Amino acid sequence: MSIAFLVTSLIVVASPGTGVLFTMAAGLSRGMRASIVAAFGCTLGTLPHIAAAVTGLAALLNASAVAFQTLKYAGVVYLLFMAWNTLKEKGALSVEDEQSPRSARQVIRSGVLVNILNPKLSIFFFAFLPQFVSTGEPNYLWRMLELSSVFMLITFVVFVGYGVFAASIRQHVTSRPQVLGWMRRTFAGAFVLLGAKLALAER
């Protein structure tokens, strides 16, 4: 395993994006367990993109304007939906009591959708993974799968770190309504900005 791959993967994963935002929101609103579940969901959301890169489907996505635009705008709509729900206290930053928590399945599903509806991830993996695999390597497919597994592990560990940090300051946020309101607006605005960024993305 090359150091270059590990360092590059760490930089890519640690850069704030929709997955990081979602995981931190889960930690702030529902605590450490929810943040870990959210990190797991976001990590699972990279699987289809990795599969697309390994099988070559990302090349089709890159070549087909219709496929790219369809997936892209589905992602934009979902991010705007998350922003709206966050402002309405029903989404990522809804603080719940113990009698009505979101189930792990619901959190995982949301985390998967956050990452799966981003066509740029497929194209990123399509361009990123092959750089670290020799074209003449006899076990090319297995090598790609190995690197993909390491990338997913890094993703999970880094996202858990973000989520645990957010959970550690949860009491300071939820005990102050004004701070919580400011955080909701900040997260909602961030989801809108990420949606705008995705809307402007080209293949």
C-alpha atoms as a PDB file:
ATOM      1  CA  MET A   1       0.000   0.000   0.000  1.00  0.00           C
ATOM      2  CA  SER A   2       1.613   3.237  -1.148  1.00  0.00           C
ATOM      3  CA  ILE A   3       1.995   6.188   1.209  1.00  0.00           C
ATOM      4  CA  ALA A   4       0.833   8.456  -1.615  1.00  0.00           C
ATOM      5  CA  PHE A   5      -2.501   6.631  -1.801  1.00  0.00           C
ATOM      6  CA  LEU A   6      -3.036   6.802   1.963  1.00  0.00           C
ATOM      7  CA  VAL A   7      -2.174  10.495   2.191  1.00  0.00           C
ATOM      8  CA  THR A   8      -4.286  11.421  -0.836  1.00  0.00           C
ATOM      9  CA  SER A   9      -7.230   9.400   0.468  1.00  0.00           C
ATOM     10  CA  LEU A  10      -6.965  11.046   3.890  1.00  0.00           C
ATOM     11  CA  ILE A  11      -6.948  14.528   2.351  1.00  0.00           C
ATOM     12  CA  VAL A  12      -9.936  13.737   0.147  1.00  0.00           C
ATOM     13  CA  VAL A  13     -11.962  12.173   2.961  1.00  0.00           C
ATOM     14  CA  ALA A  14     -11.130  14.812   5.576  1.00  0.00           C
ATOM     15  CA  SER A  15     -12.169  17.669   3.273  1.00  0.00           C
ATOM     16  CA  PRO A  16     -15.592  18.858   4.492  1.00  0.00           C
ATOM     17  CA  GLY A  17     -18.437  17.737   2.256  1.00  0.00           C
ATOM     18  CA  THR A  18     -21.964  16.398   2.470  1.00  0.00           C
ATOM     19  CA  GLY A  19     -20.919  13.216   4.290  1.00  0.00           C
ATOM     20  CA  VAL A  20     -18.948  15.083   6.936  1.00  0.00           C
ATOM     21  CA  LEU A  21     -21.765  17.577   7.365  1.00  0.00           C
ATOM     22  CA  PHE A  22     -24.376  14.849   7.756  1.00  0.00           C
ATOM     23  CA  THR A  23     -22.274  12.889  10.255  1.00  0.00           C
ATOM     24  CA  MET A  24     -21.563  15.958  12.384  1.00  0.00           C
ATOM     25  CA  ALA A  25     -25.224  16.924  12.335  1.00  0.00           C
ATOM     26  CA  ALA A  26     -26.123  13.433  13.574  1.00  0.00           C
ATOM     27  CA  GLY A  27     -23.607  13.746  16.401  1.00  0.00           C
ATOM     28  CA  LEU A  28     -24.861  17.182  17.427  1.00  0.00           C
ATOM     29  CA  SER A  29     -28.526  16.277  17.352  1.00  0.00           C
ATOM     30  CA  ARG A  30     -28.624  12.641  18.498  1.00  0.00           C
ATOM     31  CA  GLY A  31     -25.303  11.823  20.118  1.00  0.00           C
ATOM     32  CA  MET A  32     -22.313   9.569  19.594  1.00  0.00           C
ATOM     33  CA  ARG A  33     -24.136   6.375  18.584  1.00  0.00           C
ATOM     34  CA  ALA A  34     -26.080   8.196  15.878  1.00  0.00           C
ATOM     35  CA  SER A  35     -22.908   9.801  14.542  1.00  0.00           C
ATOM     36  CA  ILE A  36     -21.235   6.394  14.202  1.00  0.00           C
ATOM     37  CA  VAL A  37     -24.308   4.996  12.449  1.00  0.00           C
ATOM     38  CA  ALA A  38     -24.335   8.043  10.143  1.00  0.00           C
ATOM     39  CA  ALA A  39     -20.646   7.551   9.349  1.00  0.00           C
ATOM     40  CA  PHE A  40     -21.390   3.931   8.488  1.00  0.00           C
ATOM     41  CA  GLY A  41     -24.237   4.984   6.195  1.00  0.00           C
ATOM     42  CA  CYS A  42     -22.103   7.558   4.396  1.00  0.00           C
ATOM     43  CA  THR A  43     -19.347   4.981   3.971  1.00  0.00           C
ATOM     44  CA  LEU A  44     -21.829   2.520   2.465  1.00  0.00           C
ATOM     45  CA  GLY A  45     -22.870   5.292   0.092  1.00  0.00           C
ATOM     46  CA  THR A  46     -19.453   5.156  -1.556  1.00  0.00           C
ATOM     47  CA  LEU A  47     -19.912   1.482  -2.526  1.00  0.00           C
ATOM     48  CA  PRO A  48     -21.947   2.083  -5.706  1.00  0.00           C
ATOM     49  CA  HIS A  49     -19.419   4.669  -6.878  1.00  0.00           C
ATOM     50  CA  ILE A  50     -16.518   2.318  -6.235  1.00  0.00           C
ATOM     51  CA  ALA A  51     -18.374  -0.483  -8.031  1.00  0.00           C
ATOM     52  CA  ALA A  52     -18.965   1.857 -10.960  1.00  0.00           C
ATOM     53  CA  ALA A  53     -15.274   2.732 -11.105  1.00  0.00           C
ATOM     54  CA  VAL A  54     -14.158  -0.910 -10.886  1.00  0.00           C
ATOM     55  CA  THR A  55     -16.600  -2.119 -13.543  1.00  0.00           C
ATOM     56  CA  GLY A  56     -16.206   0.858 -15.852  1.00  0.00           C
ATOM     57  CA  LEU A  57     -19.748   2.195 -15.401  1.00  0.00           C
ATOM     58  CA  ALA A  58     -18.285   5.549 -14.364  1.00  0.00           C
ATOM     59  CA  ALA A  59     -16.968   5.913 -17.915  1.00  0.00           C
ATOM     60  CA  LEU A  60     -20.541   5.601 -19.172  1.00  0.00           C
ATOM     61  CA  LEU A  61     -21.710   8.162 -16.622  1.00  0.00           C
ATOM     62  CA  ASN A  62     -18.952  10.484 -17.776  1.00  0.00           C
ATOM     63  CA  ALA A  63     -19.887  10.005 -21.418  1.00  0.00           C
ATOM     64  CA  SER A  64     -23.666  10.226 -21.038  1.00  0.00           C
ATOM     65  CA  ALA A  65     -24.881  13.765 -20.410  1.00  0.00           C
ATOM     66  CA  VAL A  66     -28.420  12.555 -19.641  1.00  0.00           C
ATOM     67  CA  ALA A  67     -27.309  10.014 -17.017  1.00  0.00           C
ATOM     68  CA  PHE A  68     -24.974  12.509 -15.372  1.00  0.00           C
ATOM     69  CA  GLN A  69     -27.517  15.329 -15.274  1.00  0.00           C
ATOM     70  CA  THR A  70     -30.285  13.048 -13.972  1.00  0.00           C
ATOM     71  CA  LEU A  71     -28.212  11.778 -11.060  1.00  0.00           C
ATOM     72  CA  LYS A  72     -26.763  15.213 -10.412  1.00  0.00           C
ATOM     73  CA  TYR A  73     -30.117  16.969 -10.082  1.00  0.00           C
ATOM     74  CA  ALA A  74     -31.513  14.156  -7.962  1.00  0.00           C
ATOM     75  CA  GLY A  75     -28.619  14.890  -5.604  1.00  0.00           C
ATOM     76  CA  VAL A  76     -29.323  18.630  -5.703  1.00  0.00           C
ATOM     77  CA  VAL A  77     -32.985  18.076  -4.843  1.00  0.00           C
ATOM     78  CA  TYR A  78     -32.068  15.802  -1.946  1.00  0.00           C
ATOM     79  CA  LEU A  79     -29.587  18.322  -0.524  1.00  0.00           C
ATOM     80  CA  LEU A  80     -32.208  21.089  -0.722  1.00  0.00           C
ATOM     81  CA  PHE A  81     -34.686  18.724   0.956  1.00  0.00           C
ATOM     82  CA  MET A  82     -32.189  18.188   3.779  1.00  0.00           C
ATOM     83  CA  ALA A  83     -31.676  21.946   4.101  1.00  0.00           C
ATOM     84  CA  TRP A  84     -35.438  22.534   4.342  1.00  0.00           C
ATOM     85  CA  ASN A  85     -35.917  19.782   6.907  1.00  0.00           C
ATOM     86  CA  THR A  86     -33.011  21.115   8.956  1.00  0.00           C
ATOM     87  CA  LEU A  87     -34.630  24.549   9.114  1.00  0.00           C
ATOM     88  CA  LYS A  88     -37.995  22.988   9.971  1.00  0.00           C
ATOM     89  CA  GLU A  89     -36.371  20.991  12.824  1.00  0.00           C
ATOM     90  CA  LYS A  90     -37.216  17.667  11.136  1.00  0.00           C
ATOM     91  CA  GLY A  91     -33.936  16.806   9.485  1.00  0.00           C
ATOM     92  CA  ALA A  92     -30.255  16.462  10.244  1.00  0.00           C
ATOM     93  CA  LEU A  93     -30.337  18.774  13.261  1.00  0.00           C
ATOM     94  CA  SER A  94     -33.609  17.744  14.831  1.00  0.00           C
ATOM     95  CA  VAL A  95     -32.987  17.167  18.529  1.00  0.00           C
ATOM     96  CA  GLU A  96     -35.022  14.162  19.618  1.00  0.00           C
ATOM     97  CA  ASP A  97     -35.950  12.800  23.012  1.00  0.00           C
ATOM     98  CA  GLU A  98     -35.401   9.181  23.956  1.00  0.00           C
ATOM     99  CA  GLN A  99     -39.032   8.240  23.263  1.00  0.00           C
ATOM    100  CA  SER A 100     -38.859   9.093  19.550  1.00  0.00           C
ATOM    101  CA  PRO A 101     -35.363   8.561  18.186  1.00  0.00           C
ATOM    102  CA  ARG A 102     -34.712   7.879  14.527  1.00  0.00           C
ATOM    103  CA  SER A 103     -33.925   4.235  13.909  1.00  0.00           C
ATOM    104  CA  ALA A 104     -30.460   3.148  12.824  1.00  0.00           C
ATOM    105  CA  ARG A 105     -31.976   2.075   9.497  1.00  0.00           C
ATOM    106  CA  GLN A 106     -33.343   5.574   8.867  1.00  0.00           C
ATOM    107  CA  VAL A 107     -30.002   7.208   9.663  1.00  0.00           C
ATOM    108  CA  ILE A 108     -28.100   4.741   7.475  1.00  0.00           C
ATOM    109  CA  ARG A 109     -30.547   5.244   4.601  1.00  0.00           C
ATOM    110  CA  SER A 110     -30.101   9.019   4.774  1.00  0.00           C
ATOM    111  CA  GLY A 111     -26.320   8.639   4.943  1.00  0.00           C
ATOM    112  CA  VAL A 112     -26.284   6.359   1.914  1.00  0.00           C
ATOM    113  CA  LEU A 113     -28.436   8.777  -0.082  1.00  0.00           C
ATOM    114  CA  VAL A 114     -26.166  11.685   0.813  1.00  0.00           C
ATOM    115  CA  ASN A 115     -23.249  10.046  -1.006  1.00  0.00           C
ATOM    116  CA  ILE A 116     -24.964   7.898  -3.607  1.00  0.00           C
ATOM    117  CA  LEU A 117     -26.681  10.878  -5.276  1.00  0.00           C
ATOM    118  CA  ASN A 118     -23.407  12.540  -6.211  1.00  0.00           C
ATOM    119  CA  PRO A 119     -22.216  11.541  -9.701  1.00  0.00           C
ATOM    120  CA  LYS A 120     -18.920  13.346  -9.165  1.00  0.00           C
ATOM    121  CA  LEU A 121     -17.910  10.592  -6.746  1.00  0.00           C
ATOM    122  CA  SER A 122     -18.136   7.926  -9.456  1.00  0.00           C
ATOM    123  CA  ILE A 123     -16.049   9.992 -11.806  1.00  0.00           C
ATOM    124  CA  PHE A 124     -13.608  10.785  -9.002  1.00  0.00           C
ATOM    125  CA  PHE A 125     -13.061   7.094  -8.277  1.00  0.00           C
ATOM    126  CA  PHE A 126     -12.812   6.363 -11.997  1.00  0.00           C
ATOM    127  CA  ALA A 127      -9.939   8.842 -12.264  1.00  0.00           C
ATOM    128  CA  PHE A 128      -8.455   8.294  -8.784  1.00  0.00           C
ATOM    129  CA  LEU A 129      -8.137   4.544  -8.231  1.00  0.00           C
ATOM    130  CA  PRO A 130      -6.383   3.564 -11.489  1.00  0.00           C
ATOM    131  CA  GLN A 131      -3.535   5.973 -10.713  1.00  0.00           C
ATOM    132  CA  PHE A 132      -2.372   3.581  -7.992  1.00  0.00           C
ATOM    133  CA  VAL A 133      -2.711   0.342  -9.960  1.00  0.00           C
ATOM    134  CA  SER A 134      -0.232  -0.687 -12.644  1.00  0.00           C
ATOM    135  CA  THR A 135      -1.935  -1.476 -15.945  1.00  0.00           C
ATOM    136  CA  GLY A 136       0.266  -4.553 -16.275  1.00  0.00           C
ATOM    137  CA  GLU A 137      -0.598  -5.916 -12.843  1.00  0.00           C
ATOM    138  CA  PRO A 138      -1.992  -9.470 -13.152  1.00  0.00           C
ATOM    139  CA  ASN A 139      -4.471  -9.045 -10.299  1.00  0.00           C
ATOM    140  CA  TYR A 140      -5.729  -5.638 -11.434  1.00  0.00           C
ATOM    141  CA  LEU A 141      -9.328  -6.144 -10.244  1.00  0.00           C
ATOM    142  CA  TRP A 142      -8.321  -7.429  -6.816  1.00  0.00           C
ATOM    143  CA  ARG A 143      -5.903  -4.542  -6.410  1.00  0.00           C
ATOM    144  CA  MET A 144      -8.682  -2.056  -7.207  1.00  0.00           C
ATOM    145  CA  LEU A 145     -10.937  -3.756  -4.670  1.00  0.00           C
ATOM    146  CA  GLU A 146      -8.174  -3.686  -2.060  1.00  0.00           C
ATOM    147  CA  LEU A 147      -7.594   0.030  -2.532  1.00  0.00           C
ATOM    148  CA  SER A 148     -11.338   0.654  -2.468  1.00  0.00           C
ATOM    149  CA  SER A 149     -11.648  -1.207   0.839  1.00  0.00           C
ATOM    150  CA  VAL A 150      -8.850   0.860   2.364  1.00  0.00           C
ATOM    151  CA  PHE A 151     -10.489   4.063   1.115  1.00  0.00           C
ATOM    152  CA  MET A 152     -13.784   3.020   2.714  1.00  0.00           C
ATOM    153  CA  LEU A 153     -12.033   2.229   6.002  1.00  0.00           C
ATOM    154  CA  ILE A 154     -10.365   5.655   5.997  1.00  0.00           C
ATOM    155  CA  THR A 155     -13.734   7.237   5.225  1.00  0.00           C
ATOM    156  CA  PHE A 156     -15.412   5.491   8.141  1.00  0.00           C
ATOM    157  CA  VAL A 157     -12.645   6.292  10.646  1.00  0.00           C
ATOM    158  CA  VAL A 158     -12.425   9.975   9.657  1.00  0.00           C
ATOM    159  CA  PHE A 159     -16.193  10.426   9.634  1.00  0.00           C
ATOM    160  CA  VAL A 160     -16.481   8.777  13.046  1.00  0.00           C
ATOM    161  CA  GLY A 161     -13.856  11.239  14.286  1.00  0.00           C
ATOM    162  CA  TYR A 162     -15.928  14.173  13.035  1.00  0.00           C
ATOM    163  CA  GLY A 163     -19.091  12.676  14.506  1.00  0.00           C
ATOM    164  CA  VAL A 164     -17.595  11.917  17.919  1.00  0.00           C
ATOM    165  CA  PHE A 165     -16.241  15.459  18.128  1.00  0.00           C
ATOM    166  CA  ALA A 166     -19.682  16.840  17.304  1.00  0.00           C
ATOM    167  CA  ALA A 167     -21.279  14.549  19.898  1.00  0.00           C
ATOM    168  CA  SER A 168     -18.786  15.698  22.537  1.00  0.00           C
ATOM    169  CA  ILE A 169     -20.022  19.288  22.255  1.00  0.00           C
ATOM    170  CA  ARG A 170     -23.675  18.305  21.905  1.00  0.00           C
ATOM    171  CA  GLN A 171     -24.711  19.403  25.395  1.00  0.00           C
ATOM    172  CA  HIS A 172     -23.199  22.849  24.889  1.00  0.00           C
ATOM    173  CA  VAL A 173     -25.269  23.272  21.725  1.00  0.00           C
ATOM    174  CA  THR A 174     -28.606  21.684  22.617  1.00  0.00           C
ATOM    175  CA  SER A 175     -28.793  23.398  26.002  1.00  0.00           C
ATOM    176  CA  ARG A 176     -28.693  26.797  24.306  1.00  0.00           C
ATOM    177  CA  PRO A 177     -31.686  27.413  21.991  1.00  0.00           C
ATOM    178  CA  GLN A 178     -30.049  30.424  20.330  1.00  0.00           C
ATOM    179  CA  VAL A 179     -26.907  28.451  19.524  1.00  0.00           C
ATOM    180  CA  LEU A 180     -28.996  25.542  18.233  1.00  0.00           C
ATOM    181  CA  GLY A 181     -30.971  27.891  16.001  1.00  0.00           C
ATOM    182  CA  TRP A 182     -27.758  29.366  14.631  1.00  0.00           C
ATOM    183  CA  MET A 183     -26.392  25.887  14.007  1.00  0.00           C
ATOM    184  CA  ARG A 184     -29.549  24.866  12.145  1.00  0.00           C
ATOM    185  CA  ARG A 185     -29.284  27.865   9.853  1.00  0.00           C
ATOM    186  CA  THR A 186     -25.578  27.232   9.323  1.00  0.00           C
ATOM    187  CA  PHE A 187     -26.084  23.571   8.423  1.00  0.00           C
ATOM    188  CA  ALA A 188     -29.063  24.374   6.203  1.00  0.00           C
ATOM    189  CA  GLY A 189     -27.017  27.025   4.419  1.00  0.00           C
ATOM    190  CA  ALA A 190     -24.150  24.590   3.992  1.00  0.00           C
ATOM    191  CA  PHE A 191     -26.488  22.008   2.427  1.00  0.00           C
ATOM    192  CA  VAL A 192     -27.789  24.683   0.043  1.00  0.00           C
ATOM    193  CA  LEU A 193     -24.242  25.707  -0.919  1.00  0.00           C
ATOM    194  CA  LEU A 194     -23.238  22.094  -1.522  1.00  0.00           C
ATOM    195  CA  GLY A 195     -26.365  21.639  -3.615  1.00  0.00           C
ATOM    196  CA  ALA A 196     -25.474  24.734  -5.652  1.00  0.00           C
ATOM    197  CA  LYS A 197     -21.935  23.465  -6.104  1.00  0.00           C
ATOM    198  CA  LEU A 198     -23.247  20.130  -7.345  1.00  0.00           C
ATOM    199  CA  ALA A 199     -25.747  21.861  -9.658  1.00  0.00           C
ATOM    200  CA  LEU A 200     -22.887  23.782 -11.293  1.00  0.00           C
ATOM    201  CA  ALA A 201     -20.662  20.726 -11.584  1.00  0.00           C
ATOM    202  CA  GLU A 202     -19.650  19.558 -15.039  1.00  0.00           C
ATOM    203  CA  ARG A 203     -18.582  16.078 -16.072  1.00  0.00           C
END
